[in-house]
Amino acid sequence: MTRDTQLAELIDTVTKAASDKIATDPVLIEVGDRMALADAFFVASAPTDRQVRAIAENIMDEVALKLHMRPARIEGRTEGRWILVDYGDLVVHVLIDEDREYYALEKLWGDVPVRHLEPQAVR
C-alpha cells in the first residue's frame, strides 16, 4: 500500500467517524507543500465541548479499529475545546464552534488548497 493510499484511507476513516458524531463543516487543508510537519490538516467543529470530545474519541476509536493506527500525540483532550490528534501525515483538529471561528485555520492557511469533505463521498 502506498503512502498516498494510506493517507486517503485515513482521511476517509476520519471523515466518516467525525460525521457519525455530527461534526460540522469538515474540511481538509492541504499543507504538505508549505510545511514538513504534515501533509494535511482535517478540521471539524461542534457546538459543545462534550460533542468535541465525542467526535475526537470516535475518530481515534475508528482509526484504531479499521486502520490499526494510534496517534503520535493528543492535545486538548481534558479541556475539550480544541482537540488535536496527530497521525503524522494527517493532523486532526476538532474545535468548539466559537474557537474555530476565532482561530480560522482555513484562513490562516489561505494560500493552500482547502477541500470541503462530504461523508457520502467516503469510500
PDB file of N, CA and C in Angstrom:
ATOM      1  N   MET A   1       0.845  -1.181   0.000  1.00  0.00           N
ATOM      2  CA  MET A   1       0.000   0.000   0.000  1.00  0.00           C
ATOM      3  C   MET A   1       0.887   1.240   0.000  1.00  0.00           C
ATOM      4  N   THR A   2       0.596   2.164  -0.895  1.00  0.00           N
ATOM      5  CA  THR A   2       1.404   3.370  -0.994  1.00  0.00           C
ATOM      6  C   THR A   2       1.054   4.359   0.107  1.00  0.00           C
ATOM      7  N   ARG A   3       1.940   5.295   0.304  1.00  0.00           N
ATOM      8  CA  ARG A   3       1.727   6.336   1.313  1.00  0.00           C
ATOM      9  C   ARG A   3       0.467   7.150   0.990  1.00  0.00           C
ATOM     10  N   ASP A   4       0.264   7.470  -0.296  1.00  0.00           N
ATOM     11  CA  ASP A   4      -0.925   8.229  -0.706  1.00  0.00           C
ATOM     12  C   ASP A   4      -2.204   7.448  -0.435  1.00  0.00           C
ATOM     13  N   THR A   5      -2.173   6.142  -0.669  1.00  0.00           N
ATOM     14  CA  THR A   5      -3.343   5.298  -0.418  1.00  0.00           C
ATOM     15  C   THR A   5      -3.640   5.239   1.073  1.00  0.00           C
ATOM     16  N   GLN A   6      -2.593   5.108   1.886  1.00  0.00           N
ATOM     17  CA  GLN A   6      -2.773   5.083   3.341  1.00  0.00           C
ATOM     18  C   GLN A   6      -3.372   6.397   3.830  1.00  0.00           C
ATOM     19  N   LEU A   7      -2.867   7.507   3.300  1.00  0.00           N
ATOM     20  CA  LEU A   7      -3.384   8.813   3.705  1.00  0.00           C
ATOM     21  C   LEU A   7      -4.844   8.966   3.281  1.00  0.00           C
ATOM     22  N   ALA A   8      -5.182   8.529   2.083  1.00  0.00           N
ATOM     23  CA  ALA A   8      -6.572   8.607   1.607  1.00  0.00           C
ATOM     24  C   ALA A   8      -7.493   7.772   2.495  1.00  0.00           C
ATOM     25  N   GLU A   9      -7.063   6.583   2.888  1.00  0.00           N
ATOM     26  CA  GLU A   9      -7.865   5.748   3.781  1.00  0.00           C
ATOM     27  C   GLU A   9      -8.029   6.400   5.148  1.00  0.00           C
ATOM     28  N   LEU A  10      -6.960   7.016   5.635  1.00  0.00           N
ATOM     29  CA  LEU A  10      -7.027   7.708   6.924  1.00  0.00           C
ATOM     30  C   LEU A  10      -8.008   8.875   6.844  1.00  0.00           C
ATOM     31  N   ILE A  11      -7.939   9.668   5.789  1.00  0.00           N
ATOM     32  CA  ILE A  11      -8.847  10.797   5.618  1.00  0.00           C
ATOM     33  C   ILE A  11     -10.293  10.308   5.541  1.00  0.00           C
ATOM     34  N   ASP A  12     -10.532   9.264   4.783  1.00  0.00           N
ATOM     35  CA  ASP A  12     -11.882   8.711   4.665  1.00  0.00           C
ATOM     36  C   ASP A  12     -12.415   8.231   6.014  1.00  0.00           C
ATOM     37  N   THR A  13     -11.581   7.524   6.753  1.00  0.00           N
ATOM     38  CA  THR A  13     -11.989   6.998   8.062  1.00  0.00           C
ATOM     39  C   THR A  13     -12.275   8.129   9.039  1.00  0.00           C
ATOM     40  N   VAL A  14     -11.419   9.128   9.055  1.00  0.00           N
ATOM     41  CA  VAL A  14     -11.600  10.281   9.948  1.00  0.00           C
ATOM     42  C   VAL A  14     -12.875  11.039   9.576  1.00  0.00           C
ATOM     43  N   THR A  15     -13.098  11.243   8.290  1.00  0.00           N
ATOM     44  CA  THR A  15     -14.287  11.969   7.838  1.00  0.00           C
ATOM     45  C   THR A  15     -15.560  11.243   8.255  1.00  0.00           C
ATOM     46  N   LYS A  16     -15.599   9.950   8.036  1.00  0.00           N
ATOM     47  CA  LYS A  16     -16.780   9.151   8.393  1.00  0.00           C
ATOM     48  C   LYS A  16     -16.995   9.153   9.907  1.00  0.00           C
ATOM     49  N   ALA A  17     -15.926   8.964  10.668  1.00  0.00           N
ATOM     50  CA  ALA A  17     -16.037   8.935  12.131  1.00  0.00           C
ATOM     51  C   ALA A  17     -16.522  10.275  12.675  1.00  0.00           C
ATOM     52  N   ALA A  18     -16.038  11.368  12.108  1.00  0.00           N
ATOM     53  CA  ALA A  18     -16.489  12.696  12.543  1.00  0.00           C
ATOM     54  C   ALA A  18     -17.959  12.900  12.181  1.00  0.00           C
ATOM     55  N   SER A  19     -18.327  12.477  10.990  1.00  0.00           N
ATOM     56  CA  SER A  19     -19.713  12.603  10.535  1.00  0.00           C
ATOM     57  C   SER A  19     -20.664  11.794  11.410  1.00  0.00           C
ATOM     58  N   ASP A  20     -20.231  10.613  11.832  1.00  0.00           N
ATOM     59  CA  ASP A  20     -21.061   9.764  12.689  1.00  0.00           C
ATOM     60  C   ASP A  20     -21.438  10.454  13.994  1.00  0.00           C
ATOM     61  N   LYS A  21     -20.606  11.375  14.449  1.00  0.00           N
ATOM     62  CA  LYS A  21     -20.886  12.123  15.685  1.00  0.00           C
ATOM     63  C   LYS A  21     -21.337  13.554  15.396  1.00  0.00           C
ATOM     64  N   ILE A  22     -21.785  13.769  14.165  1.00  0.00           N
ATOM     65  CA  ILE A  22     -22.402  15.025  13.735  1.00  0.00           C
ATOM     66  C   ILE A  22     -21.450  16.227  13.815  1.00  0.00           C
ATOM     67  N   ALA A  23     -20.211  16.023  13.376  1.00  0.00           N
ATOM     68  CA  ALA A  23     -19.269  17.138  13.259  1.00  0.00           C
ATOM     69  C   ALA A  23     -19.757  18.073  12.162  1.00  0.00           C
ATOM     70  N   THR A  24     -19.482  19.355  12.323  1.00  0.00           N
ATOM     71  CA  THR A  24     -19.921  20.324  11.327  1.00  0.00           C
ATOM     72  C   THR A  24     -18.758  20.796  10.468  1.00  0.00           C
ATOM     73  N   ASP A  25     -19.080  21.042   9.198  1.00  0.00           N
ATOM     74  CA  ASP A  25     -18.177  21.629   8.208  1.00  0.00           C
ATOM     75  C   ASP A  25     -16.775  21.009   8.195  1.00  0.00           C
ATOM     76  N   PRO A  26     -16.665  19.701   7.955  1.00  0.00           N
ATOM     77  CA  PRO A  26     -15.326  19.104   7.886  1.00  0.00           C
ATOM     78  C   PRO A  26     -14.589  19.557   6.625  1.00  0.00           C
ATOM     79  N   VAL A  27     -13.341  19.964   6.813  1.00  0.00           N
ATOM     80  CA  VAL A  27     -12.503  20.376   5.684  1.00  0.00           C
ATOM     81  C   VAL A  27     -11.139  19.726   5.796  1.00  0.00           C
ATOM     82  N   LEU A  28     -10.483  19.645   4.654  1.00  0.00           N
ATOM     83  CA  LEU A  28      -9.110  19.159   4.590  1.00  0.00           C
ATOM     84  C   LEU A  28      -8.258  20.297   4.071  1.00  0.00           C
ATOM     85  N   ILE A  29      -7.285  20.702   4.859  1.00  0.00           N
ATOM     86  CA  ILE A  29      -6.368  21.769   4.473  1.00  0.00           C
ATOM     87  C   ILE A  29      -5.060  21.095   4.073  1.00  0.00           C
ATOM     88  N   GLU A  30      -4.697  21.215   2.812  1.00  0.00           N
ATOM     89  CA  GLU A  30      -3.531  20.522   2.274  1.00  0.00           C
ATOM     90  C   GLU A  30      -2.274  21.370   2.473  1.00  0.00           C
ATOM     91  N   VAL A  31      -1.573  21.136   3.581  1.00  0.00           N
ATOM     92  CA  VAL A  31      -0.435  21.964   3.974  1.00  0.00           C
ATOM     93  C   VAL A  31       0.917  21.367   3.591  1.00  0.00           C
ATOM     94  N   GLY A  32       0.921  20.210   2.951  1.00  0.00           N
ATOM     95  CA  GLY A  32       2.159  19.489   2.649  1.00  0.00           C
ATOM     96  C   GLY A  32       3.196  20.277   1.872  1.00  0.00           C
ATOM     97  N   ASP A  33       2.761  21.144   0.967  1.00  0.00           N
ATOM     98  CA  ASP A  33       3.713  21.939   0.181  1.00  0.00           C
ATOM     99  C   ASP A  33       4.284  23.112   0.958  1.00  0.00           C
ATOM    100  N   ARG A  34       3.652  23.458   2.072  1.00  0.00           N
ATOM    101  CA  ARG A  34       4.076  24.620   2.856  1.00  0.00           C
ATOM    102  C   ARG A  34       4.839  24.271   4.122  1.00  0.00           C
ATOM    103  N   MET A  35       4.723  23.007   4.566  1.00  0.00           N
ATOM    104  CA  MET A  35       5.390  22.623   5.807  1.00  0.00           C
ATOM    105  C   MET A  35       5.699  21.128   5.795  1.00  0.00           C
ATOM    106  N   ALA A  36       6.734  20.755   6.511  1.00  0.00           N
ATOM    107  CA  ALA A  36       7.136  19.350   6.562  1.00  0.00           C
ATOM    108  C   ALA A  36       6.439  18.578   7.685  1.00  0.00           C
ATOM    109  N   LEU A  37       5.738  19.274   8.544  1.00  0.00           N
ATOM    110  CA  LEU A  37       5.102  18.666   9.708  1.00  0.00           C
ATOM    111  C   LEU A  37       4.045  17.640   9.334  1.00  0.00           C
ATOM    112  N   ALA A  38       3.232  17.930   8.324  1.00  0.00           N
ATOM    113  CA  ALA A  38       2.132  17.047   7.925  1.00  0.00           C
ATOM    114  C   ALA A  38       1.775  17.333   6.470  1.00  0.00           C
ATOM    115  N   ASP A  39       1.065  16.383   5.866  1.00  0.00           N
ATOM    116  CA  ASP A  39       0.556  16.603   4.509  1.00  0.00           C
ATOM    117  C   ASP A  39      -0.741  17.391   4.537  1.00  0.00           C
ATOM    118  N   ALA A  40      -1.552  17.160   5.578  1.00  0.00           N
ATOM    119  CA  ALA A  40      -2.860  17.805   5.623  1.00  0.00           C
ATOM    120  C   ALA A  40      -3.358  17.947   7.053  1.00  0.00           C
ATOM    121  N   PHE A  41      -4.251  18.913   7.221  1.00  0.00           N
ATOM    122  CA  PHE A  41      -4.988  19.094   8.465  1.00  0.00           C
ATOM    123  C   PHE A  41      -6.452  18.782   8.169  1.00  0.00           C
ATOM    124  N   PHE A  42      -7.062  17.950   9.002  1.00  0.00           N
ATOM    125  CA  PHE A  42      -8.505  17.739   8.971  1.00  0.00           C
ATOM    126  C   PHE A  42      -9.057  18.642  10.060  1.00  0.00           C
ATOM    127  N   VAL A  43     -10.055  19.461   9.719  1.00  0.00           N
ATOM    128  CA  VAL A  43     -10.650  20.383  10.689  1.00  0.00           C
ATOM    129  C   VAL A  43     -12.163  20.197  10.672  1.00  0.00           C
ATOM    130  N   ALA A  44     -12.734  20.049  11.856  1.00  0.00           N
ATOM    131  CA  ALA A  44     -14.188  19.964  12.013  1.00  0.00           C
ATOM    132  C   ALA A  44     -14.537  20.599  13.350  1.00  0.00           C
ATOM    133  N   SER A  45     -15.824  20.874  13.541  1.00  0.00           N
ATOM    134  CA  SER A  45     -16.224  21.522  14.787  1.00  0.00           C
ATOM    135  C   SER A  45     -17.560  21.000  15.280  1.00  0.00           C
ATOM    136  N   ALA A  46     -17.915  21.470  16.478  1.00  0.00           N
ATOM    137  CA  ALA A  46     -19.166  21.085  17.132  1.00  0.00           C
ATOM    138  C   ALA A  46     -19.551  22.204  18.106  1.00  0.00           C
ATOM    139  N   PRO A  47     -20.830  22.268  18.474  1.00  0.00           N
ATOM    140  CA  PRO A  47     -21.279  23.374  19.323  1.00  0.00           C
ATOM    141  C   PRO A  47     -20.912  23.271  20.808  1.00  0.00           C
ATOM    142  N   THR A  48     -20.579  22.076  21.306  1.00  0.00           N
ATOM    143  CA  THR A  48     -20.270  21.940  22.730  1.00  0.00           C
ATOM    144  C   THR A  48     -18.967  21.181  22.942  1.00  0.00           C
ATOM    145  N   ASP A  49     -18.345  21.396  24.096  1.00  0.00           N
ATOM    146  CA  ASP A  49     -17.107  20.682  24.404  1.00  0.00           C
ATOM    147  C   ASP A  49     -17.352  19.176  24.532  1.00  0.00           C
ATOM    148  N   ARG A  50     -18.515  18.821  25.014  1.00  0.00           N
ATOM    149  CA  ARG A  50     -18.858  17.398  25.126  1.00  0.00           C
ATOM    150  C   ARG A  50     -18.892  16.733  23.741  1.00  0.00           C
ATOM    151  N   GLN A  51     -19.467  17.414  22.779  1.00  0.00           N
ATOM    152  CA  GLN A  51     -19.523  16.860  21.434  1.00  0.00           C
ATOM    153  C   GLN A  51     -18.145  16.863  20.772  1.00  0.00           C
ATOM    154  N   VAL A  52     -17.342  17.884  21.024  1.00  0.00           N
ATOM    155  CA  VAL A  52     -15.963  17.912  20.515  1.00  0.00           C
ATOM    156  C   VAL A  52     -15.222  16.665  21.001  1.00  0.00           C
ATOM    157  N   ARG A  53     -15.347  16.368  22.297  1.00  0.00           N
ATOM    158  CA  ARG A  53     -14.698  15.169  22.846  1.00  0.00           C
ATOM    159  C   ARG A  53     -15.222  13.897  22.189  1.00  0.00           C
ATOM    160  N   ALA A  54     -16.541  13.816  22.010  1.00  0.00           N
ATOM    161  CA  ALA A  54     -17.152  12.629  21.403  1.00  0.00           C
ATOM    162  C   ALA A  54     -16.647  12.423  19.974  1.00  0.00           C
ATOM    163  N   ILE A  55     -16.533  13.493  19.223  1.00  0.00           N
ATOM    164  CA  ILE A  55     -16.036  13.392  17.850  1.00  0.00           C
ATOM    165  C   ILE A  55     -14.592  12.909  17.844  1.00  0.00           C
ATOM    166  N   ALA A  56     -13.747  13.542  18.656  1.00  0.00           N
ATOM    167  CA  ALA A  56     -12.336  13.158  18.697  1.00  0.00           C
ATOM    168  C   ALA A  56     -12.166  11.711  19.152  1.00  0.00           C
ATOM    169  N   GLU A  57     -12.907  11.308  20.166  1.00  0.00           N
ATOM    170  CA  GLU A  57     -12.816   9.929  20.659  1.00  0.00           C
ATOM    171  C   GLU A  57     -13.272   8.935  19.589  1.00  0.00           C
ATOM    172  N   ASN A  58     -14.349   9.266  18.878  1.00  0.00           N
ATOM    173  CA  ASN A  58     -14.832   8.373  17.823  1.00  0.00           C
ATOM    174  C   ASN A  58     -13.815   8.260  16.689  1.00  0.00           C
ATOM    175  N   ILE A  59     -13.184   9.361  16.345  1.00  0.00           N
ATOM    176  CA  ILE A  59     -12.133   9.326  15.321  1.00  0.00           C
ATOM    177  C   ILE A  59     -11.013   8.389  15.765  1.00  0.00           C
ATOM    178  N   MET A  60     -10.534   8.555  16.985  1.00  0.00           N
ATOM    179  CA  MET A  60      -9.436   7.709  17.466  1.00  0.00           C
ATOM    180  C   MET A  60      -9.850   6.242  17.520  1.00  0.00           C
ATOM    181  N   ASP A  61     -11.065   5.972  17.970  1.00  0.00           N
ATOM    182  CA  ASP A  61     -11.556   4.588  18.043  1.00  0.00           C
ATOM    183  C   ASP A  61     -11.646   3.955  16.661  1.00  0.00           C
ATOM    184  N   GLU A  62     -12.232   4.672  15.706  1.00  0.00           N
ATOM    185  CA  GLU A  62     -12.421   4.129  14.358  1.00  0.00           C
ATOM    186  C   GLU A  62     -11.097   3.934  13.624  1.00  0.00           C
ATOM    187  N   VAL A  63     -10.177   4.870  13.780  1.00  0.00           N
ATOM    188  CA  VAL A  63      -8.866   4.732  13.139  1.00  0.00           C
ATOM    189  C   VAL A  63      -8.119   3.540  13.732  1.00  0.00           C
ATOM    190  N   ALA A  64      -8.197   3.368  15.037  1.00  0.00           N
ATOM    191  CA  ALA A  64      -7.548   2.221  15.685  1.00  0.00           C
ATOM    192  C   ALA A  64      -8.180   0.911  15.213  1.00  0.00           C
ATOM    193  N   LEU A  65      -9.493   0.878  15.139  1.00  0.00           N
ATOM    194  CA  LEU A  65     -10.208  -0.333  14.761  1.00  0.00           C
ATOM    195  C   LEU A  65      -9.989  -0.701  13.294  1.00  0.00           C
ATOM    196  N   LYS A  66     -10.135   0.272  12.410  1.00  0.00           N
ATOM    197  CA  LYS A  66     -10.091  -0.017  10.976  1.00  0.00           C
ATOM    198  C   LYS A  66      -8.691   0.011  10.378  1.00  0.00           C
ATOM    199  N   LEU A  67      -7.835   0.875  10.893  1.00  0.00           N
ATOM    200  CA  LEU A  67      -6.509   1.048  10.286  1.00  0.00           C
ATOM    201  C   LEU A  67      -5.366   0.626  11.203  1.00  0.00           C
ATOM    202  N   HIS A  68      -5.695   0.257  12.433  1.00  0.00           N
ATOM    203  CA  HIS A  68      -4.700  -0.183  13.418  1.00  0.00           C
ATOM    204  C   HIS A  68      -3.610   0.870  13.638  1.00  0.00           C
ATOM    205  N   MET A  69      -4.056   2.126  13.702  1.00  0.00           N
ATOM    206  CA  MET A  69      -3.134   3.244  13.928  1.00  0.00           C
ATOM    207  C   MET A  69      -3.468   3.921  15.250  1.00  0.00           C
ATOM    208  N   ARG A  70      -2.452   4.332  15.937  1.00  0.00           N
ATOM    209  CA  ARG A  70      -2.585   5.124  17.162  1.00  0.00           C
ATOM    210  C   ARG A  70      -1.962   6.494  16.911  1.00  0.00           C
ATOM    211  N   PRO A  71      -2.528   7.531  17.495  1.00  0.00           N
ATOM    212  CA  PRO A  71      -1.940   8.857  17.290  1.00  0.00           C
ATOM    213  C   PRO A  71      -0.575   8.982  17.949  1.00  0.00           C
ATOM    214  N   ALA A  72       0.286   9.776  17.334  1.00  0.00           N
ATOM    215  CA  ALA A  72       1.604  10.061  17.907  1.00  0.00           C
ATOM    216  C   ALA A  72       1.449  10.915  19.158  1.00  0.00           C
ATOM    217  N   ARG A  73       0.435  11.791  19.142  1.00  0.00           N
ATOM    218  CA  ARG A  73       0.138  12.602  20.330  1.00  0.00           C
ATOM    219  C   ARG A  73      -1.274  13.147  20.240  1.00  0.00           C
ATOM    220  N   ILE A  74      -1.781  13.490  21.410  1.00  0.00           N
ATOM    221  CA  ILE A  74      -3.125  14.055  21.540  1.00  0.00           C
ATOM    222  C   ILE A  74      -3.006  15.275  22.441  1.00  0.00           C
ATOM    223  N   GLU A  75      -3.588  16.378  22.023  1.00  0.00           N
ATOM    224  CA  GLU A  75      -3.557  17.610  22.823  1.00  0.00           C
ATOM    225  C   GLU A  75      -4.988  18.094  23.056  1.00  0.00           C
ATOM    226  N   GLY A  76      -5.234  18.680  24.219  1.00  0.00           N
ATOM    227  CA  GLY A  76      -6.502  19.345  24.497  1.00  0.00           C
ATOM    228  C   GLY A  76      -7.652  18.448  24.914  1.00  0.00           C
ATOM    229  N   ARG A  77      -7.356  17.200  25.157  1.00  0.00           N
ATOM    230  CA  ARG A  77      -8.411  16.229  25.481  1.00  0.00           C
ATOM    231  C   ARG A  77      -9.166  16.610  26.762  1.00  0.00           C
ATOM    232  N   THR A  78      -8.480  17.113  27.753  1.00  0.00           N
ATOM    233  CA  THR A  78      -9.097  17.451  29.031  1.00  0.00           C
ATOM    234  C   THR A  78     -10.057  18.632  28.896  1.00  0.00           C
ATOM    235  N   GLU A  79      -9.604  19.691  28.235  1.00  0.00           N
ATOM    236  CA  GLU A  79     -10.433  20.887  28.102  1.00  0.00           C
ATOM    237  C   GLU A  79     -11.586  20.656  27.130  1.00  0.00           C
ATOM    238  N   GLY A  80     -11.324  19.980  26.031  1.00  0.00           N
ATOM    239  CA  GLY A  80     -12.362  19.651  25.065  1.00  0.00           C
ATOM    240  C   GLY A  80     -12.820  20.785  24.175  1.00  0.00           C
ATOM    241  N   ARG A  81     -12.112  21.885  24.169  1.00  0.00           N
ATOM    242  CA  ARG A  81     -12.497  22.995  23.289  1.00  0.00           C
ATOM    243  C   ARG A  81     -11.798  22.877  21.937  1.00  0.00           C
ATOM    244  N   TRP A  82     -10.581  22.365  21.937  1.00  0.00           N
ATOM    245  CA  TRP A  82      -9.818  22.163  20.714  1.00  0.00           C
ATOM    246  C   TRP A  82      -8.963  20.934  20.955  1.00  0.00           C
ATOM    247  N   ILE A  83      -9.313  19.850  20.315  1.00  0.00           N
ATOM    248  CA  ILE A  83      -8.558  18.611  20.467  1.00  0.00           C
ATOM    249  C   ILE A  83      -7.775  18.375  19.184  1.00  0.00           C
ATOM    250  N   LEU A  84      -6.487  18.173  19.340  1.00  0.00           N
ATOM    251  CA  LEU A  84      -5.591  17.899  18.230  1.00  0.00           C
ATOM    252  C   LEU A  84      -5.153  16.450  18.344  1.00  0.00           C
ATOM    253  N   VAL A  85      -5.295  15.699  17.256  1.00  0.00           N
ATOM    254  CA  VAL A  85      -4.892  14.297  17.215  1.00  0.00           C
ATOM    255  C   VAL A  85      -3.906  14.160  16.063  1.00  0.00           C
ATOM    256  N   ASP A  86      -2.662  13.822  16.381  1.00  0.00           N
ATOM    257  CA  ASP A  86      -1.583  13.799  15.396  1.00  0.00           C
ATOM    258  C   ASP A  86      -1.338  12.380  14.894  1.00  0.00           C
ATOM    259  N   TYR A  87      -1.651  12.168  13.618  1.00  0.00           N
ATOM    260  CA  TYR A  87      -1.385  10.884  12.965  1.00  0.00           C
ATOM    261  C   TYR A  87      -0.199  10.990  12.011  1.00  0.00           C
ATOM    262  N   GLY A  88       0.662  11.955  12.208  1.00  0.00           N
ATOM    263  CA  GLY A  88       1.837  12.109  11.345  1.00  0.00           C
ATOM    264  C   GLY A  88       1.490  12.879  10.083  1.00  0.00           C
ATOM    265  N   ASP A  89       1.113  12.159   9.029  1.00  0.00           N
ATOM    266  CA  ASP A  89       0.779  12.815   7.758  1.00  0.00           C
ATOM    267  C   ASP A  89      -0.521  13.610   7.832  1.00  0.00           C
ATOM    268  N   LEU A  90      -1.392  13.249   8.763  1.00  0.00           N
ATOM    269  CA  LEU A  90      -2.665  13.940   8.946  1.00  0.00           C
ATOM    270  C   LEU A  90      -2.796  14.375  10.401  1.00  0.00           C
ATOM    271  N   VAL A  91      -3.027  15.666  10.591  1.00  0.00           N
ATOM    272  CA  VAL A  91      -3.270  16.193  11.931  1.00  0.00           C
ATOM    273  C   VAL A  91      -4.743  16.588  12.004  1.00  0.00           C
ATOM    274  N   VAL A  92      -5.450  16.003  12.953  1.00  0.00           N
ATOM    275  CA  VAL A  92      -6.884  16.219  13.120  1.00  0.00           C
ATOM    276  C   VAL A  92      -7.101  17.314  14.160  1.00  0.00           C
ATOM    277  N   HIS A  93      -7.934  18.289  13.808  1.00  0.00           N
ATOM    278  CA  HIS A  93      -8.312  19.367  14.724  1.00  0.00           C
ATOM    279  C   HIS A  93      -9.831  19.326  14.869  1.00  0.00           C
ATOM    280  N   VAL A  94     -10.296  19.134  16.089  1.00  0.00           N
ATOM    281  CA  VAL A  94     -11.737  19.205  16.360  1.00  0.00           C
ATOM    282  C   VAL A  94     -11.921  20.334  17.373  1.00  0.00           C
ATOM    283  N   LEU A  95     -12.662  21.356  16.971  1.00  0.00           N
ATOM    284  CA  LEU A  95     -12.804  22.558  17.784  1.00  0.00           C
ATOM    285  C   LEU A  95     -14.260  22.843  18.110  1.00  0.00           C
ATOM    286  N   ILE A  96     -14.453  23.522  19.227  1.00  0.00           N
ATOM    287  CA  ILE A  96     -15.769  24.063  19.530  1.00  0.00           C
ATOM    288  C   ILE A  96     -16.015  25.196  18.525  1.00  0.00           C
ATOM    289  N   ASP A  97     -17.263  25.367  18.097  1.00  0.00           N
ATOM    290  CA  ASP A  97     -17.588  26.304  17.013  1.00  0.00           C
ATOM    291  C   ASP A  97     -16.974  27.688  17.207  1.00  0.00           C
ATOM    292  N   GLU A  98     -17.103  28.266  18.382  1.00  0.00           N
ATOM    293  CA  GLU A  98     -16.617  29.639  18.590  1.00  0.00           C
ATOM    294  C   GLU A  98     -15.094  29.725  18.472  1.00  0.00           C
ATOM    295  N   ASP A  99     -14.369  28.696  18.904  1.00  0.00           N
ATOM    296  CA  ASP A  99     -12.911  28.708  18.758  1.00  0.00           C
ATOM    297  C   ASP A  99     -12.510  28.531  17.293  1.00  0.00           C
ATOM    298  N   ARG A 100     -13.265  27.710  16.581  1.00  0.00           N
ATOM    299  CA  ARG A 100     -12.962  27.535  15.156  1.00  0.00           C
ATOM    300  C   ARG A 100     -13.138  28.848  14.411  1.00  0.00           C
ATOM    301  N   GLU A 101     -14.206  29.547  14.732  1.00  0.00           N
ATOM    302  CA  GLU A 101     -14.445  30.841  14.088  1.00  0.00           C
ATOM    303  C   GLU A 101     -13.345  31.840  14.455  1.00  0.00           C
ATOM    304  N   TYR A 102     -12.946  31.854  15.711  1.00  0.00           N
ATOM    305  CA  TYR A 102     -11.926  32.799  16.182  1.00  0.00           C
ATOM    306  C   TYR A 102     -10.568  32.519  15.542  1.00  0.00           C
ATOM    307  N   TYR A 103     -10.118  31.265  15.553  1.00  0.00           N
ATOM    308  CA  TYR A 103      -8.787  30.925  15.045  1.00  0.00           C
ATOM    309  C   TYR A 103      -8.741  30.793  13.529  1.00  0.00           C
ATOM    310  N   ALA A 104      -9.852  30.505  12.886  1.00  0.00           N
ATOM    311  CA  ALA A 104      -9.988  30.493  11.422  1.00  0.00           C
ATOM    312  C   ALA A 104      -8.813  29.809  10.723  1.00  0.00           C
ATOM    313  N   LEU A 105      -8.594  28.551  11.050  1.00  0.00           N
ATOM    314  CA  LEU A 105      -7.469  27.820  10.464  1.00  0.00           C
ATOM    315  C   LEU A 105      -7.508  27.807   8.939  1.00  0.00           C
ATOM    316  N   GLU A 106      -8.700  27.723   8.371  1.00  0.00           N
ATOM    317  CA  GLU A 106      -8.811  27.721   6.917  1.00  0.00           C
ATOM    318  C   GLU A 106      -8.267  29.012   6.317  1.00  0.00           C
ATOM    319  N   LYS A 107      -8.478  30.135   6.998  1.00  0.00           N
ATOM    320  CA  LYS A 107      -7.978  31.416   6.510  1.00  0.00           C
ATOM    321  C   LYS A 107      -6.502  31.586   6.812  1.00  0.00           C
ATOM    322  N   LEU A 108      -6.055  31.032   7.927  1.00  0.00           N
ATOM    323  CA  LEU A 108      -4.642  31.102   8.293  1.00  0.00           C
ATOM    324  C   LEU A 108      -3.783  30.450   7.211  1.00  0.00           C
ATOM    325  N   TRP A 109      -4.301  29.355   6.660  1.00  0.00           N
ATOM    326  CA  TRP A 109      -3.603  28.639   5.594  1.00  0.00           C
ATOM    327  C   TRP A 109      -4.283  28.960   4.263  1.00  0.00           C
ATOM    328  N   GLY A 110      -4.666  30.200   4.067  1.00  0.00           N
ATOM    329  CA  GLY A 110      -5.457  30.609   2.917  1.00  0.00           C
ATOM    330  C   GLY A 110      -4.802  30.414   1.567  1.00  0.00           C
ATOM    331  N   ASP A 111      -3.497  30.232   1.531  1.00  0.00           N
ATOM    332  CA  ASP A 111      -2.808  30.079   0.252  1.00  0.00           C
ATOM    333  C   ASP A 111      -2.604  28.611  -0.145  1.00  0.00           C
ATOM    334  N   VAL A 112      -3.248  27.691   0.572  1.00  0.00           N
ATOM    335  CA  VAL A 112      -3.147  26.264   0.238  1.00  0.00           C
ATOM    336  C   VAL A 112      -4.552  25.731  -0.080  1.00  0.00           C
ATOM    337  N   PRO A 113      -4.620  24.621  -0.810  1.00  0.00           N
ATOM    338  CA  PRO A 113      -5.942  24.062  -1.132  1.00  0.00           C
ATOM    339  C   PRO A 113      -6.718  23.632   0.112  1.00  0.00           C
ATOM    340  N   VAL A 114      -8.003  23.981   0.141  1.00  0.00           N
ATOM    341  CA  VAL A 114      -8.914  23.572   1.207  1.00  0.00           C
ATOM    342  C   VAL A 114     -10.074  22.848   0.537  1.00  0.00           C
ATOM    343  N   ARG A 115     -10.301  21.600   0.945  1.00  0.00           N
ATOM    344  CA  ARG A 115     -11.396  20.803   0.387  1.00  0.00           C
ATOM    345  C   ARG A 115     -12.474  20.602   1.430  1.00  0.00           C
ATOM    346  N   HIS A 116     -13.703  20.901   1.072  1.00  0.00           N
ATOM    347  CA  HIS A 116     -14.834  20.593   1.945  1.00  0.00           C
ATOM    348  C   HIS A 116     -15.156  19.120   1.748  1.00  0.00           C
ATOM    349  N   LEU A 117     -15.261  18.397   2.849  1.00  0.00           N
ATOM    350  CA  LEU A 117     -15.440  16.955   2.793  1.00  0.00           C
ATOM    351  C   LEU A 117     -16.894  16.584   3.015  1.00  0.00           C
ATOM    352  N   GLU A 118     -17.371  15.679   2.215  1.00  0.00           N
ATOM    353  CA  GLU A 118     -18.730  15.168   2.331  1.00  0.00           C
ATOM    354  C   GLU A 118     -18.663  13.725   2.776  1.00  0.00           C
ATOM    355  N   PRO A 119     -19.277  13.374   3.888  1.00  0.00           N
ATOM    356  CA  PRO A 119     -19.241  11.986   4.362  1.00  0.00           C
ATOM    357  C   PRO A 119     -19.766  10.977   3.342  1.00  0.00           C
ATOM    358  N   GLN A 120     -20.710  11.388   2.484  1.00  0.00           N
ATOM    359  CA  GLN A 120     -21.258  10.486   1.475  1.00  0.00           C
ATOM    360  C   GLN A 120     -20.174  10.061   0.488  1.00  0.00           C
ATOM    361  N   ALA A 121     -19.141  10.885   0.328  1.00  0.00           N
ATOM    362  CA  ALA A 121     -18.083  10.579  -0.624  1.00  0.00           C
ATOM    363  C   ALA A 121     -17.074   9.587  -0.070  1.00  0.00           C
ATOM    364  N   VAL A 122     -17.211   9.232   1.200  1.00  0.00           N
ATOM    365  CA  VAL A 122     -16.279   8.297   1.824  1.00  0.00           C
ATOM    366  C   VAL A 122     -16.421   6.942   1.167  1.00  0.00           C
ATOM    367  N   ARG A 123     -15.282   6.330   0.829  1.00  0.00           N
ATOM    368  CA  ARG A 123     -15.275   5.021   0.179  1.00  0.00           C
ATOM    369  C   ARG A 123     -15.722   3.936   1.110  1.00  0.00           C
TER     370      ARG A 123
END
